[in-house]
Amino acid sequence: MKFFFRVILYSLSVMLFYSCNNKSNQLKLNFGTSINKHDVKIKMEVLASVPITEIYNGEKEFNIPDGYGENEWHFYYRDTLQGYLRYIKTNRNDKHVYKFNFYNENGKYFVDVDIQGLNPVKQKIELKNK
């Protein structure tokens, strides 16, 4: 009987630890040598629940909303180039690491998207004229 209570107590302790250790979403940005980070803007929205929200404005990073469902990410460079990604997040409590790498390749501009978490995504997006 003591063993059963120890197992229950241990399980509850582990659950409490992980629920208290629940981090927020993280944003990690990288800019190639020919990219001016002040010319980059990132916005996102969660359809039907979170309006378009600024995530990065060239100088400052903002919190990523915890909305679930269709997350639309908008990437801008120099106010003339833009790219887009629709991403499905299945649970607002799932935390993700959003890695965006902006770079120039053969005169074209790209962002490599690497979303890590329960709904991972890796995609290369070309930034094109509006």
Protein backbone atom coordinates (compact mmCIF):
# COMPACT_ATOMS: atom_id res chain seq x y z
CA MET A 1 0.00 0.00 0.00
CA LYS A 2 2.87 2.40 0.81
CA PHE A 3 4.37 1.71 -2.59
CA PHE A 4 1.10 2.70 -4.31
CA PHE A 5 0.98 6.02 -2.44
CA ARG A 6 4.61 6.73 -3.29
CA VAL A 7 3.92 6.13 -6.97
CA ILE A 8 0.90 8.46 -6.83
CA LEU A 9 2.87 11.13 -4.95
CA TYR A 10 5.78 10.87 -7.41
CA SER A 11 3.41 11.12 -10.40
CA LEU A 12 1.71 14.19 -8.98
CA SER A 13 5.08 15.82 -8.28
CA VAL A 14 6.26 15.24 -11.85
CA MET A 15 3.00 16.60 -13.28
CA LEU A 16 3.21 19.69 -11.06
CA PHE A 17 6.84 20.29 -12.06
CA TYR A 18 6.08 20.10 -15.79
CA SER A 19 2.96 22.26 -15.55
CA CYS A 20 4.88 24.97 -13.64
CA ASN A 21 7.75 24.73 -16.08
CA ASN A 22 5.49 25.43 -19.07
CA LYS A 23 7.47 27.99 -21.06
CA SER A 24 6.04 30.48 -23.48
CA ASN A 25 6.54 30.37 -27.23
CA GLN A 26 10.04 31.38 -28.31
CA LEU A 27 11.18 33.40 -31.29
CA LYS A 28 14.70 32.93 -32.69
CA LEU A 29 15.77 35.14 -35.58
CA ASN A 30 18.82 34.92 -37.79
CA PHE A 31 19.81 37.37 -40.52
CA GLY A 32 22.25 36.66 -43.34
CA THR A 33 25.14 39.06 -43.90
CA SER A 34 23.33 40.92 -46.70
CA ILE A 35 20.10 41.31 -44.71
CA ASN A 36 19.45 44.48 -42.73
CA LYS A 37 17.48 43.29 -39.68
CA HIS A 38 15.89 46.75 -39.37
CA ASP A 39 14.13 46.15 -42.71
CA VAL A 40 12.47 42.91 -41.52
CA LYS A 41 8.95 42.79 -40.10
CA ILE A 42 6.97 39.76 -38.95
CA LYS A 43 3.26 39.67 -38.20
CA MET A 44 0.89 36.82 -37.45
CA GLU A 45 -2.77 36.21 -36.82
CA VAL A 46 -4.88 33.32 -35.65
CA LEU A 47 -7.97 33.14 -37.82
CA ALA A 48 -11.19 33.77 -35.88
CA SER A 49 -9.47 34.43 -32.54
CA VAL A 50 -6.37 36.70 -32.66
CA PRO A 51 -6.21 39.71 -35.02
CA ILE A 52 -3.04 40.47 -36.95
CA THR A 53 -0.32 41.03 -34.35
CA GLU A 54 3.18 42.43 -34.68
CA ILE A 55 5.84 39.87 -33.71
CA TYR A 56 8.98 41.71 -34.86
CA ASN A 57 9.30 45.29 -36.14
CA GLY A 58 12.96 45.49 -37.12
CA GLU A 59 14.10 46.39 -33.63
CA LYS A 60 11.91 44.72 -31.05
CA GLU A 61 10.43 41.25 -30.56
CA PHE A 62 6.91 40.83 -29.17
CA ASN A 63 5.15 37.86 -27.56
CA ILE A 64 3.70 35.21 -29.85
CA PRO A 65 -0.02 34.69 -29.12
CA ASP A 66 -1.14 31.26 -27.91
CA GLY A 67 -3.98 30.87 -30.40
CA TYR A 68 -4.71 27.50 -31.92
CA GLY A 69 -6.09 26.66 -35.32
CA GLU A 70 -4.95 28.39 -38.49
CA ASN A 71 -1.95 30.59 -37.70
CA GLU A 72 -1.01 32.89 -40.57
CA TRP A 73 2.54 34.26 -40.57
CA HIS A 74 3.45 37.27 -42.73
CA PHE A 75 7.10 38.12 -43.45
CA TYR A 76 8.16 41.49 -44.90
CA TYR A 77 11.47 42.87 -46.12
CA ARG A 78 12.04 46.51 -47.08
CA ASP A 79 8.25 47.07 -47.20
CA THR A 80 8.27 45.78 -50.81
CA LEU A 81 8.89 42.05 -50.44
CA GLN A 82 6.61 39.70 -48.60
CA GLY A 83 6.09 36.01 -47.87
CA TYR A 84 3.37 34.01 -46.20
CA LEU A 85 2.94 30.77 -44.26
CA ARG A 86 -0.23 29.14 -42.97
CA TYR A 87 0.47 26.89 -40.02
CA ILE A 88 -1.96 24.72 -38.04
CA LYS A 89 -1.49 24.64 -34.28
CA THR A 90 -3.74 22.07 -32.61
CA ASN A 91 -3.61 23.23 -28.98
CA ARG A 92 -3.07 26.70 -27.50
CA ASN A 93 -1.18 25.15 -24.56
CA ASP A 94 1.50 23.61 -26.80
CA LYS A 95 4.58 25.81 -26.81
CA HIS A 96 6.79 26.07 -29.86
CA VAL A 97 10.15 27.49 -30.89
CA TYR A 98 9.82 29.60 -34.03
CA LYS A 99 13.13 29.89 -35.89
CA PHE A 100 13.25 32.23 -38.88
CA ASN A 101 16.40 32.65 -40.98
CA PHE A 102 16.34 35.55 -43.47
CA TYR A 103 18.90 35.54 -46.30
CA ASN A 104 19.70 36.52 -49.87
CA GLU A 105 20.51 33.83 -52.42
CA ASN A 106 21.37 34.75 -56.02
CA GLY A 107 19.58 38.10 -55.77
CA LYS A 108 16.39 36.61 -54.28
CA TYR A 109 15.30 36.92 -50.67
CA PHE A 110 14.13 33.98 -48.56
CA VAL A 111 13.14 33.01 -45.06
CA ASP A 112 13.74 29.48 -43.81
CA VAL A 113 11.03 28.55 -41.34
CA ASP A 114 11.76 25.93 -38.70
CA ILE A 115 8.94 25.55 -36.17
CA GLN A 116 9.79 23.11 -33.41
CA GLY A 117 7.19 21.59 -31.10
CA LEU A 118 4.26 19.19 -31.31
CA ASN A 119 3.35 20.54 -34.76
CA PRO A 120 6.77 20.90 -36.45
CA VAL A 121 7.22 22.60 -39.82
CA LYS A 122 10.24 23.23 -42.04
CA GLN A 123 9.74 25.33 -45.13
CA LYS A 124 11.63 27.72 -47.41
CA ILE A 125 9.63 30.81 -48.38
CA GLU A 126 10.63 33.25 -51.10
CA LEU A 127 9.89 36.90 -50.37
CA LYS A 128 8.32 38.41 -53.50
CA ASN A 129 7.13 41.85 -54.59
CA LYS A 130 3.73 42.86 -53.27
